[in-house]
Structures are given as C-alpha cells and as structure tokens.
Amino acid sequence: EGDICFYSSPVGRCVETAQCIGKGRAGVQVPAQLNAVVSDE
C-alpha cells in the first residue's frame, strides 16, 4: 500500500539494488511523474 520512489548513487550496483528492491515489490506502481511500473523496470 502506498507509492514508492527510488533514488540512487549513479554507480551501477546502487542503481541495480534499487531496481531489484522495486522488482521485489512487484506490481506496485510508482508515482505517475516517474512514468514507470515497478513490476516492469
């Protein structure tokens, strides 16, 4: 329940960590202004 936003160091392992956290929370949409769906990328 609730929106989620991800911020990261530009270094690849940090970006991928945030992406994997989002994928683990599958199917939950991030805020509209970010134009993305967690279950996708």
PDB file of all heavy atoms in Angstrom:
ATOM      1  N   GLU A   1       0.835  -1.200   0.000  1.00  0.00           N
ATOM      2  CA  GLU A   1       0.000   0.000   0.000  1.00  0.00           C
ATOM      3  C   GLU A   1       0.874   1.255   0.000  1.00  0.00           C
ATOM      4  O   GLU A   1       1.756   1.407   0.836  1.00  0.00           O
ATOM      5  CB  GLU A   1      -0.917   0.031   1.226  1.00  0.00           C
ATOM      6  CG  GLU A   1      -1.891  -1.129   1.305  1.00  0.00           C
ATOM      7  CD  GLU A   1      -1.274  -2.380   1.897  1.00  0.00           C
ATOM      8  OE1 GLU A   1      -0.167  -2.280   2.471  1.00  0.00           O
ATOM      9  OE2 GLU A   1      -1.875  -3.460   1.751  1.00  0.00           O
ATOM     10  N   GLY A   2       0.609   2.147  -0.931  1.00  0.00           N
ATOM     11  CA  GLY A   2       1.338   3.404  -0.980  1.00  0.00           C
ATOM     12  C   GLY A   2       2.365   3.453  -2.085  1.00  0.00           C
ATOM     13  O   GLY A   2       2.894   2.431  -2.514  1.00  0.00           O
ATOM     14  N   ASP A   3       2.641   4.665  -2.557  1.00  0.00           N
ATOM     15  CA  ASP A   3       3.624   4.873  -3.624  1.00  0.00           C
ATOM     16  C   ASP A   3       5.040   4.716  -3.091  1.00  0.00           C
ATOM     17  O   ASP A   3       5.299   4.827  -1.891  1.00  0.00           O
ATOM     18  CB  ASP A   3       3.449   6.261  -4.237  1.00  0.00           C
ATOM     19  CG  ASP A   3       2.157   6.385  -5.032  1.00  0.00           C
ATOM     20  OD1 ASP A   3       1.710   5.357  -5.575  1.00  0.00           O
ATOM     21  OD2 ASP A   3       1.606   7.494  -5.102  1.00  0.00           O
ATOM     22  N   ILE A   4       5.949   4.497  -4.022  1.00  0.00           N
ATOM     23  CA  ILE A   4       7.353   4.322  -3.665  1.00  0.00           C
ATOM     24  C   ILE A   4       8.224   5.033  -4.690  1.00  0.00           C
ATOM     25  O   ILE A   4       7.922   5.028  -5.890  1.00  0.00           O
ATOM     26  CB  ILE A   4       7.716   2.827  -3.571  1.00  0.00           C
ATOM     27  CG1 ILE A   4       9.137   2.620  -3.023  1.00  0.00           C
ATOM     28  CG2 ILE A   4       7.548   2.125  -4.913  1.00  0.00           C
ATOM     29  CD1 ILE A   4       9.430   1.173  -2.631  1.00  0.00           C
ATOM     30  N   CYS A   5       9.295   5.666  -4.222  1.00  0.00           N
ATOM     31  CA  CYS A   5      10.269   6.328  -5.093  1.00  0.00           C
ATOM     32  C   CYS A   5      11.655   5.775  -4.804  1.00  0.00           C
ATOM     33  O   CYS A   5      11.970   5.412  -3.664  1.00  0.00           O
ATOM     34  CB  CYS A   5      10.279   7.836  -4.845  1.00  0.00           C
ATOM     35  SG  CYS A   5       9.001   8.754  -5.716  1.00  0.00           S
ATOM     36  N   PHE A   6      12.481   5.725  -5.842  1.00  0.00           N
ATOM     37  CA  PHE A   6      13.842   5.210  -5.709  1.00  0.00           C
ATOM     38  C   PHE A   6      14.848   6.267  -6.155  1.00  0.00           C
ATOM     39  O   PHE A   6      14.723   6.833  -7.235  1.00  0.00           O
ATOM     40  CB  PHE A   6      14.023   3.953  -6.559  1.00  0.00           C
ATOM     41  CG  PHE A   6      13.118   2.823  -6.166  1.00  0.00           C
ATOM     42  CD1 PHE A   6      11.912   2.642  -6.818  1.00  0.00           C
ATOM     43  CD2 PHE A   6      13.461   1.956  -5.149  1.00  0.00           C
ATOM     44  CE1 PHE A   6      11.068   1.605  -6.465  1.00  0.00           C
ATOM     45  CE2 PHE A   6      12.625   0.911  -4.780  1.00  0.00           C
ATOM     46  CZ  PHE A   6      11.425   0.743  -5.446  1.00  0.00           C
ATOM     47  N   TYR A   7      15.842   6.491  -5.313  1.00  0.00           N
ATOM     48  CA  TYR A   7      16.950   7.388  -5.623  1.00  0.00           C
ATOM     49  C   TYR A   7      18.240   6.604  -5.385  1.00  0.00           C
ATOM     50  O   TYR A   7      18.289   5.716  -4.538  1.00  0.00           O
ATOM     51  CB  TYR A   7      16.915   8.629  -4.737  1.00  0.00           C
ATOM     52  CG  TYR A   7      15.601   9.366  -4.813  1.00  0.00           C
ATOM     53  CD1 TYR A   7      14.578   9.081  -3.920  1.00  0.00           C
ATOM     54  CD2 TYR A   7      15.374  10.321  -5.801  1.00  0.00           C
ATOM     55  CE1 TYR A   7      13.361   9.742  -3.994  1.00  0.00           C
ATOM     56  CE2 TYR A   7      14.158  10.990  -5.891  1.00  0.00           C
ATOM     57  CZ  TYR A   7      13.153  10.691  -4.985  1.00  0.00           C
ATOM     58  OH  TYR A   7      11.945  11.325  -5.069  1.00  0.00           O
ATOM     59  N   SER A   8      19.278   6.953  -6.124  1.00  0.00           N
ATOM     60  CA  SER A   8      20.472   6.115  -6.051  1.00  0.00           C
ATOM     61  C   SER A   8      21.718   6.888  -6.442  1.00  0.00           C
ATOM     62  O   SER A   8      21.668   7.846  -7.221  1.00  0.00           O
ATOM     63  CB  SER A   8      20.298   4.915  -6.999  1.00  0.00           C
ATOM     64  OG  SER A   8      21.502   4.206  -7.152  1.00  0.00           O
ATOM     65  N   SER A   9      22.833   6.425  -5.912  1.00  0.00           N
ATOM     66  CA  SER A   9      24.126   6.812  -6.477  1.00  0.00           C
ATOM     67  C   SER A   9      24.133   6.370  -7.936  1.00  0.00           C
ATOM     68  O   SER A   9      23.556   5.335  -8.280  1.00  0.00           O
ATOM     69  CB  SER A   9      25.250   6.105  -5.720  1.00  0.00           C
ATOM     70  OG  SER A   9      26.431   6.056  -6.501  1.00  0.00           O
ATOM     71  N   PRO A  10      24.786   7.126  -8.840  1.00  0.00           N
ATOM     72  CA  PRO A  10      24.852   6.717 -10.248  1.00  0.00           C
ATOM     73  C   PRO A  10      25.634   5.430 -10.487  1.00  0.00           C
ATOM     74  O   PRO A  10      25.567   4.855 -11.574  1.00  0.00           O
ATOM     75  CB  PRO A  10      25.536   7.908 -10.934  1.00  0.00           C
ATOM     76  CG  PRO A  10      25.395   9.048  -9.977  1.00  0.00           C
ATOM     77  CD  PRO A  10      25.410   8.434  -8.614  1.00  0.00           C
ATOM     78  N   VAL A  11      26.393   4.978  -9.499  1.00  0.00           N
ATOM     79  CA  VAL A  11      27.187   3.761  -9.652  1.00  0.00           C
ATOM     80  C   VAL A  11      26.256   2.569  -9.849  1.00  0.00           C
ATOM     81  O   VAL A  11      25.259   2.413  -9.137  1.00  0.00           O
ATOM     82  CB  VAL A  11      28.097   3.551  -8.427  1.00  0.00           C
ATOM     83  CG1 VAL A  11      28.837   2.218  -8.520  1.00  0.00           C
ATOM     84  CG2 VAL A  11      29.091   4.705  -8.320  1.00  0.00           C
ATOM     85  N   GLY A  12      26.596   1.714 -10.815  1.00  0.00           N
ATOM     86  CA  GLY A  12      25.708   0.650 -11.270  1.00  0.00           C
ATOM     87  C   GLY A  12      25.155  -0.243 -10.184  1.00  0.00           C
ATOM     88  O   GLY A  12      23.973  -0.609 -10.203  1.00  0.00           O
ATOM     89  N   ARG A  13      25.968  -0.655  -9.214  1.00  0.00           N
ATOM     90  CA  ARG A  13      25.480  -1.583  -8.200  1.00  0.00           C
ATOM     91  C   ARG A  13      24.407  -0.959  -7.310  1.00  0.00           C
ATOM     92  O   ARG A  13      23.549  -1.665  -6.783  1.00  0.00           O
ATOM     93  CB  ARG A  13      26.635  -2.126  -7.366  1.00  0.00           C
ATOM     94  CG  ARG A  13      27.470  -1.087  -6.619  1.00  0.00           C
ATOM     95  CD  ARG A  13      28.613  -1.780  -5.878  1.00  0.00           C
ATOM     96  NE  ARG A  13      29.546  -0.862  -5.246  1.00  0.00           N
ATOM     97  CZ  ARG A  13      30.622  -0.373  -5.845  1.00  0.00           C
ATOM     98  NH1 ARG A  13      30.895  -0.697  -7.099  1.00  0.00           N
ATOM     99  NH2 ARG A  13      31.440   0.450  -5.199  1.00  0.00           N
ATOM    100  N   CYS A  14      24.471   0.360  -7.151  1.00  0.00           N
ATOM    101  CA  CYS A  14      23.448   1.033  -6.353  1.00  0.00           C
ATOM    102  C   CYS A  14      22.148   1.162  -7.143  1.00  0.00           C
ATOM    103  O   CYS A  14      21.053   0.935  -6.607  1.00  0.00           O
ATOM    104  CB  CYS A  14      23.938   2.420  -5.935  1.00  0.00           C
ATOM    105  SG  CYS A  14      25.365   2.382  -4.829  1.00  0.00           S
ATOM    106  N   VAL A  15      22.257   1.510  -8.422  1.00  0.00           N
ATOM    107  CA  VAL A  15      21.073   1.596  -9.279  1.00  0.00           C
ATOM    108  C   VAL A  15      20.391   0.240  -9.357  1.00  0.00           C
ATOM    109  O   VAL A  15      19.165   0.131  -9.213  1.00  0.00           O
ATOM    110  CB  VAL A  15      21.454   2.087 -10.691  1.00  0.00           C
ATOM    111  CG1 VAL A  15      20.236   2.048 -11.610  1.00  0.00           C
ATOM    112  CG2 VAL A  15      22.027   3.501 -10.633  1.00  0.00           C
ATOM    113  N   GLU A  16      21.183  -0.822  -9.562  1.00  0.00           N
ATOM    114  CA  GLU A  16      20.605  -2.160  -9.680  1.00  0.00           C
ATOM    115  C   GLU A  16      19.972  -2.606  -8.367  1.00  0.00           C
ATOM    116  O   GLU A  16      18.942  -3.289  -8.362  1.00  0.00           O
ATOM    117  CB  GLU A  16      21.666  -3.163 -10.130  1.00  0.00           C
ATOM    118  CG  GLU A  16      21.067  -4.519 -10.464  1.00  0.00           C
ATOM    119  CD  GLU A  16      22.070  -5.510 -11.014  1.00  0.00           C
ATOM    120  OE1 GLU A  16      23.294  -5.225 -10.958  1.00  0.00           O
ATOM    121  OE2 GLU A  16      21.627  -6.560 -11.504  1.00  0.00           O
ATOM    122  N   THR A  17      20.574  -2.224  -7.259  1.00  0.00           N
ATOM    123  CA  THR A  17      19.978  -2.551  -5.958  1.00  0.00           C
ATOM    124  C   THR A  17      18.588  -1.949  -5.848  1.00  0.00           C
ATOM    125  O   THR A  17      17.626  -2.624  -5.455  1.00  0.00           O
ATOM    126  CB  THR A  17      20.861  -2.037  -4.814  1.00  0.00           C
ATOM    127  OG1 THR A  17      22.104  -2.748  -4.812  1.00  0.00           O
ATOM    128  CG2 THR A  17      20.175  -2.214  -3.464  1.00  0.00           C
ATOM    129  N   ALA A  18      18.466  -0.669  -6.201  1.00  0.00           N
ATOM    130  CA  ALA A  18      17.161  -0.011  -6.132  1.00  0.00           C
ATOM    131  C   ALA A  18      16.162  -0.675  -7.081  1.00  0.00           C
ATOM    132  O   ALA A  18      14.990  -0.884  -6.733  1.00  0.00           O
ATOM    133  CB  ALA A  18      17.313   1.468  -6.463  1.00  0.00           C
ATOM    134  N   GLN A  19      16.617  -1.018  -8.275  1.00  0.00           N
ATOM    135  CA  GLN A  19      15.732  -1.675  -9.243  1.00  0.00           C
ATOM    136  C   GLN A  19      15.256  -3.030  -8.727  1.00  0.00           C
ATOM    137  O   GLN A  19      14.073  -3.378  -8.871  1.00  0.00           O
ATOM    138  CB  GLN A  19      16.443  -1.832 -10.583  1.00  0.00           C
ATOM    139  CG  GLN A  19      16.653  -0.523 -11.322  1.00  0.00           C
ATOM    140  CD  GLN A  19      17.492  -0.685 -12.575  1.00  0.00           C
ATOM    141  OE1 GLN A  19      18.285  -1.614 -12.683  1.00  0.00           O
ATOM    142  NE2 GLN A  19      17.309   0.199 -13.537  1.00  0.00           N
ATOM    143  N   CYS A  20      16.151  -3.784  -8.128  1.00  0.00           N
ATOM    144  CA  CYS A  20      15.772  -5.096  -7.605  1.00  0.00           C
ATOM    145  C   CYS A  20      14.811  -4.973  -6.430  1.00  0.00           C
ATOM    146  O   CYS A  20      13.892  -5.790  -6.285  1.00  0.00           O
ATOM    147  CB  CYS A  20      17.017  -5.879  -7.190  1.00  0.00           C
ATOM    148  SG  CYS A  20      18.002  -6.495  -8.575  1.00  0.00           S
ATOM    149  N   ILE A  21      14.994  -3.972  -5.586  1.00  0.00           N
ATOM    150  CA  ILE A  21      14.046  -3.745  -4.497  1.00  0.00           C
ATOM    151  C   ILE A  21      12.662  -3.481  -5.087  1.00  0.00           C
ATOM    152  O   ILE A  21      11.650  -4.016  -4.625  1.00  0.00           O
ATOM    153  CB  ILE A  21      14.496  -2.567  -3.608  1.00  0.00           C
ATOM    154  CG1 ILE A  21      15.781  -2.932  -2.863  1.00  0.00           C
ATOM    155  CG2 ILE A  21      13.390  -2.192  -2.617  1.00  0.00           C
ATOM    156  CD1 ILE A  21      16.403  -1.768  -2.110  1.00  0.00           C
ATOM    157  N   GLY A  22      12.633  -2.662  -6.143  1.00  0.00           N
ATOM    158  CA  GLY A  22      11.367  -2.357  -6.794  1.00  0.00           C
ATOM    159  C   GLY A  22      10.727  -3.576  -7.420  1.00  0.00           C
ATOM    160  O   GLY A  22       9.514  -3.782  -7.328  1.00  0.00           O
ATOM    161  N   LYS A  23      11.535  -4.404  -8.055  1.00  0.00           N
ATOM    162  CA  LYS A  23      11.007  -5.617  -8.691  1.00  0.00           C
ATOM    163  C   LYS A  23      10.475  -6.589  -7.644  1.00  0.00           C
ATOM    164  O   LYS A  23       9.507  -7.314  -7.897  1.00  0.00           O
ATOM    165  CB  LYS A  23      12.093  -6.275  -9.530  1.00  0.00           C
ATOM    166  CG  LYS A  23      12.449  -5.492 -10.794  1.00  0.00           C
ATOM    167  CD  LYS A  23      13.606  -6.135 -11.531  1.00  0.00           C
ATOM    168  CE  LYS A  23      13.973  -5.348 -12.786  1.00  0.00           C
ATOM    169  NZ  LYS A  23      15.134  -5.923 -13.490  1.00  0.00           N
ATOM    170  N   GLY A  24      11.116  -6.598  -6.472  1.00  0.00           N
ATOM    171  CA  GLY A  24      10.632  -7.455  -5.404  1.00  0.00           C
ATOM    172  C   GLY A  24       9.256  -7.033  -4.912  1.00  0.00           C
ATOM    173  O   GLY A  24       8.460  -7.857  -4.460  1.00  0.00           O
ATOM    174  N   ARG A  25       8.995  -5.769  -5.029  1.00  0.00           N
ATOM    175  CA  ARG A  25       7.674  -5.231  -4.663  1.00  0.00           C
ATOM    176  C   ARG A  25       6.806  -5.210  -5.930  1.00  0.00           C
ATOM    177  O   ARG A  25       6.262  -4.185  -6.335  1.00  0.00           O
ATOM    178  CB  ARG A  25       7.845  -3.829  -4.084  1.00  0.00           C
ATOM    179  CG  ARG A  25       6.622  -3.290  -3.328  1.00  0.00           C
ATOM    180  CD  ARG A  25       6.977  -1.937  -2.750  1.00  0.00           C
ATOM    181  NE  ARG A  25       5.906  -1.379  -1.959  1.00  0.00           N
ATOM    182  CZ  ARG A  25       5.132  -0.358  -2.339  1.00  0.00           C
ATOM    183  NH1 ARG A  25       5.310   0.186  -3.535  1.00  0.00           N
ATOM    184  NH2 ARG A  25       4.199   0.113  -1.547  1.00  0.00           N
ATOM    185  N   ALA A  26       6.704  -6.335  -6.572  1.00  0.00           N
ATOM    186  CA  ALA A  26       6.124  -6.466  -7.912  1.00  0.00           C
ATOM    187  C   ALA A  26       4.688  -5.984  -7.978  1.00  0.00           C
ATOM    188  O   ALA A  26       3.887  -6.199  -7.079  1.00  0.00           O
ATOM    189  CB  ALA A  26       6.204  -7.914  -8.368  1.00  0.00           C
ATOM    190  N   GLY A  27       4.394  -5.324  -9.093  1.00  0.00           N
ATOM    191  CA  GLY A  27       3.032  -4.931  -9.377  1.00  0.00           C
ATOM    192  C   GLY A  27       2.594  -3.624  -8.773  1.00  0.00           C
ATOM    193  O   GLY A  27       1.478  -3.167  -9.036  1.00  0.00           O
ATOM    194  N   VAL A  28       3.433  -2.985  -7.989  1.00  0.00           N
ATOM    195  CA  VAL A  28       3.069  -1.719  -7.362  1.00  0.00           C
ATOM    196  C   VAL A  28       3.569  -0.571  -8.219  1.00  0.00           C
ATOM    197  O   VAL A  28       4.749  -0.492  -8.534  1.00  0.00           O
ATOM    198  CB  VAL A  28       3.668  -1.615  -5.950  1.00  0.00           C
ATOM    199  CG1 VAL A  28       3.279  -0.303  -5.299  1.00  0.00           C
ATOM    200  CG2 VAL A  28       3.195  -2.795  -5.113  1.00  0.00           C
ATOM    201  N   GLN A  29       2.692   0.330  -8.603  1.00  0.00           N
ATOM    202  CA  GLN A  29       3.085   1.447  -9.453  1.00  0.00           C
ATOM    203  C   GLN A  29       3.774   2.535  -8.646  1.00  0.00           C
ATOM    204  O   GLN A  29       3.383   2.856  -7.531  1.00  0.00           O
ATOM    205  CB  GLN A  29       1.870   2.041 -10.163  1.00  0.00           C
ATOM    206  CG  GLN A  29       1.291   1.129 -11.236  1.00  0.00           C
ATOM    207  CD  GLN A  29       0.388   1.882 -12.176  1.00  0.00           C
ATOM    208  OE1 GLN A  29       0.033   3.025 -11.939  1.00  0.00           O
ATOM    209  NE2 GLN A  29       0.009   1.241 -13.259  1.00  0.00           N
ATOM    210  N   VAL A  30       4.825   3.089  -9.249  1.00  0.00           N
ATOM    211  CA  VAL A  30       5.492   4.241  -8.659  1.00  0.00           C
ATOM    212  C   VAL A  30       4.730   5.481  -9.082  1.00  0.00           C
ATOM    213  O   VAL A  30       3.854   5.419  -9.941  1.00  0.00           O
ATOM    214  CB  VAL A  30       6.964   4.320  -9.117  1.00  0.00           C
ATOM    215  CG1 VAL A  30       7.725   3.114  -8.614  1.00  0.00           C
ATOM    216  CG2 VAL A  30       7.064   4.427 -10.619  1.00  0.00           C
ATOM    217  N   PRO A  31       5.012   6.646  -8.490  1.00  0.00           N
ATOM    218  CA  PRO A  31       4.260   7.858  -8.829  1.00  0.00           C
ATOM    219  C   PRO A  31       4.210   8.132 -10.322  1.00  0.00           C
ATOM    220  O   PRO A  31       5.169   7.871 -11.053  1.00  0.00           O
ATOM    221  CB  PRO A  31       5.038   8.945  -8.085  1.00  0.00           C
ATOM    222  CG  PRO A  31       5.623   8.236  -6.918  1.00  0.00           C
ATOM    223  CD  PRO A  31       5.996   6.873  -7.434  1.00  0.00           C
ATOM    224  N   ALA A  32       3.112   8.690 -10.770  1.00  0.00           N
ATOM    225  CA  ALA A  32       2.885   8.898 -12.198  1.00  0.00           C
ATOM    226  C   ALA A  32       3.982   9.733 -12.842  1.00  0.00           C
ATOM    227  O   ALA A  32       4.341   9.523 -14.000  1.00  0.00           O
ATOM    228  CB  ALA A  32       1.523   9.555 -12.408  1.00  0.00           C
ATOM    229  N   GLN A  33       4.536  10.692 -12.094  1.00  0.00           N
ATOM    230  CA  GLN A  33       5.522  11.577 -12.698  1.00  0.00           C
ATOM    231  C   GLN A  33       6.803  10.840 -13.075  1.00  0.00           C
ATOM    232  O   GLN A  33       7.620  11.338 -13.833  1.00  0.00           O
ATOM    233  CB  GLN A  33       5.864  12.745 -11.767  1.00  0.00           C
ATOM    234  CG  GLN A  33       6.603  12.352 -10.494  1.00  0.00           C
ATOM    235  CD  GLN A  33       5.663  12.128  -9.331  1.00  0.00           C
ATOM    236  OE1 GLN A  33       4.507  11.778  -9.533  1.00  0.00           O
ATOM    237  NE2 GLN A  33       6.146  12.354  -8.119  1.00  0.00           N
ATOM    238  N   LEU A  34       6.991   9.613 -12.534  1.00  0.00           N
ATOM    239  CA  LEU A  34       8.181   8.853 -12.864  1.00  0.00           C
ATOM    240  C   LEU A  34       7.969   7.930 -14.062  1.00  0.00           C
ATOM    241  O   LEU A  34       8.899   7.328 -14.565  1.00  0.00           O
ATOM    242  CB  LEU A  34       8.637   8.038 -11.645  1.00  0.00           C
ATOM    243  CG  LEU A  34       9.079   8.880 -10.452  1.00  0.00           C
ATOM    244  CD1 LEU A  34       9.577   7.987  -9.335  1.00  0.00           C
ATOM    245  CD2 LEU A  34      10.149   9.875 -10.841  1.00  0.00           C
ATOM    246  N   ASN A  35       6.705   7.804 -14.496  1.00  0.00           N
ATOM    247  CA  ASN A  35       6.388   7.066 -15.722  1.00  0.00           C
ATOM    248  C   ASN A  35       6.980   5.663 -15.747  1.00  0.00           C
ATOM    249  O   ASN A  35       7.671   5.275 -16.685  1.00  0.00           O
ATOM    250  CB  ASN A  35       6.882   7.839 -16.955  1.00  0.00           C
ATOM    251  CG  ASN A  35       6.209   9.190 -17.068  1.00  0.00           C
ATOM    252  OD1 ASN A  35       4.994   9.299 -16.896  1.00  0.00           O
ATOM    253  ND2 ASN A  35       6.983  10.221 -17.349  1.00  0.00           N
ATOM    254  N   ALA A  36       6.745   4.913 -14.704  1.00  0.00           N
ATOM    255  CA  ALA A  36       7.279   3.558 -14.662  1.00  0.00           C
ATOM    256  C   ALA A  36       6.386   2.679 -13.802  1.00  0.00           C
ATOM    257  O   ALA A  36       5.619   3.160 -12.990  1.00  0.00           O
ATOM    258  CB  ALA A  36       8.703   3.557 -14.107  1.00  0.00           C
ATOM    259  N   VAL A  37       6.524   1.374 -13.991  1.00  0.00           N
ATOM    260  CA  VAL A  37       5.812   0.399 -13.174  1.00  0.00           C
ATOM    261  C   VAL A  37       6.847  -0.520 -12.556  1.00  0.00           C
ATOM    262  O   VAL A  37       7.724  -1.043 -13.237  1.00  0.00           O
ATOM    263  CB  VAL A  37       4.818  -0.417 -14.019  1.00  0.00           C
ATOM    264  CG1 VAL A  37       4.143  -1.475 -13.161  1.00  0.00           C
ATOM    265  CG2 VAL A  37       3.786   0.519 -14.645  1.00  0.00           C
ATOM    266  N   VAL A  38       6.768  -0.696 -11.258  1.00  0.00           N
ATOM    267  CA  VAL A  38       7.780  -1.458 -10.544  1.00  0.00           C
ATOM    268  C   VAL A  38       7.928  -2.871 -11.088  1.00  0.00           C
ATOM    269  O   VAL A  38       9.020  -3.409 -11.186  1.00  0.00           O
ATOM    270  CB  VAL A  38       7.435  -1.490  -9.037  1.00  0.00           C
ATOM    271  CG1 VAL A  38       8.314  -2.480  -8.294  1.00  0.00           C
ATOM    272  CG2 VAL A  38       7.622  -0.099  -8.454  1.00  0.00           C
ATOM    273  N   SER A  39       6.809  -3.508 -11.465  1.00  0.00           N
ATOM    274  CA  SER A  39       6.871  -4.885 -11.928  1.00  0.00           C
ATOM    275  C   SER A  39       7.597  -5.007 -13.268  1.00  0.00           C
ATOM    276  O   SER A  39       7.992  -6.085 -13.674  1.00  0.00           O
ATOM    277  CB  SER A  39       5.456  -5.455 -12.065  1.00  0.00           C
ATOM    278  OG  SER A  39       4.701  -4.661 -12.961  1.00  0.00           O
ATOM    279  N   ASP A  40       7.763  -3.885 -13.980  1.00  0.00           N
ATOM    280  CA  ASP A  40       8.450  -3.912 -15.267  1.00  0.00           C
ATOM    281  C   ASP A  40       9.912  -3.535 -15.047  1.00  0.00           C
ATOM    282  O   ASP A  40      10.785  -4.374 -14.941  1.00  0.00           O
ATOM    283  CB  ASP A  40       7.748  -2.958 -16.235  1.00  0.00           C
ATOM    284  CG  ASP A  40       8.399  -2.958 -17.602  1.00  0.00           C
ATOM    285  OD1 ASP A  40       9.168  -3.898 -17.896  1.00  0.00           O
ATOM    286  OD2 ASP A  40       8.158  -2.001 -18.360  1.00  0.00           O
ATOM    287  N   GLU A  41      10.205  -2.262 -14.994  1.00  0.00           N
ATOM    288  CA  GLU A  41      11.564  -1.791 -14.739  1.00  0.00           C
ATOM    289  C   GLU A  41      11.464  -0.547 -13.870  1.00  0.00           C
ATOM    290  O   GLU A  41      11.168   0.543 -14.354  1.00  0.00           O
ATOM    291  CB  GLU A  41      12.276  -1.460 -16.047  1.00  0.00           C
ATOM    292  CG  GLU A  41      13.768  -1.184 -15.888  1.00  0.00           C
ATOM    293  CD  GLU A  41      14.536  -2.404 -15.411  1.00  0.00           C
ATOM    294  OE1 GLU A  41      14.229  -3.519 -15.830  1.00  0.00           O
ATOM    295  OE2 GLU A  41      15.464  -2.220 -14.603  1.00  0.00           O
TER     296      GLU A  41
END
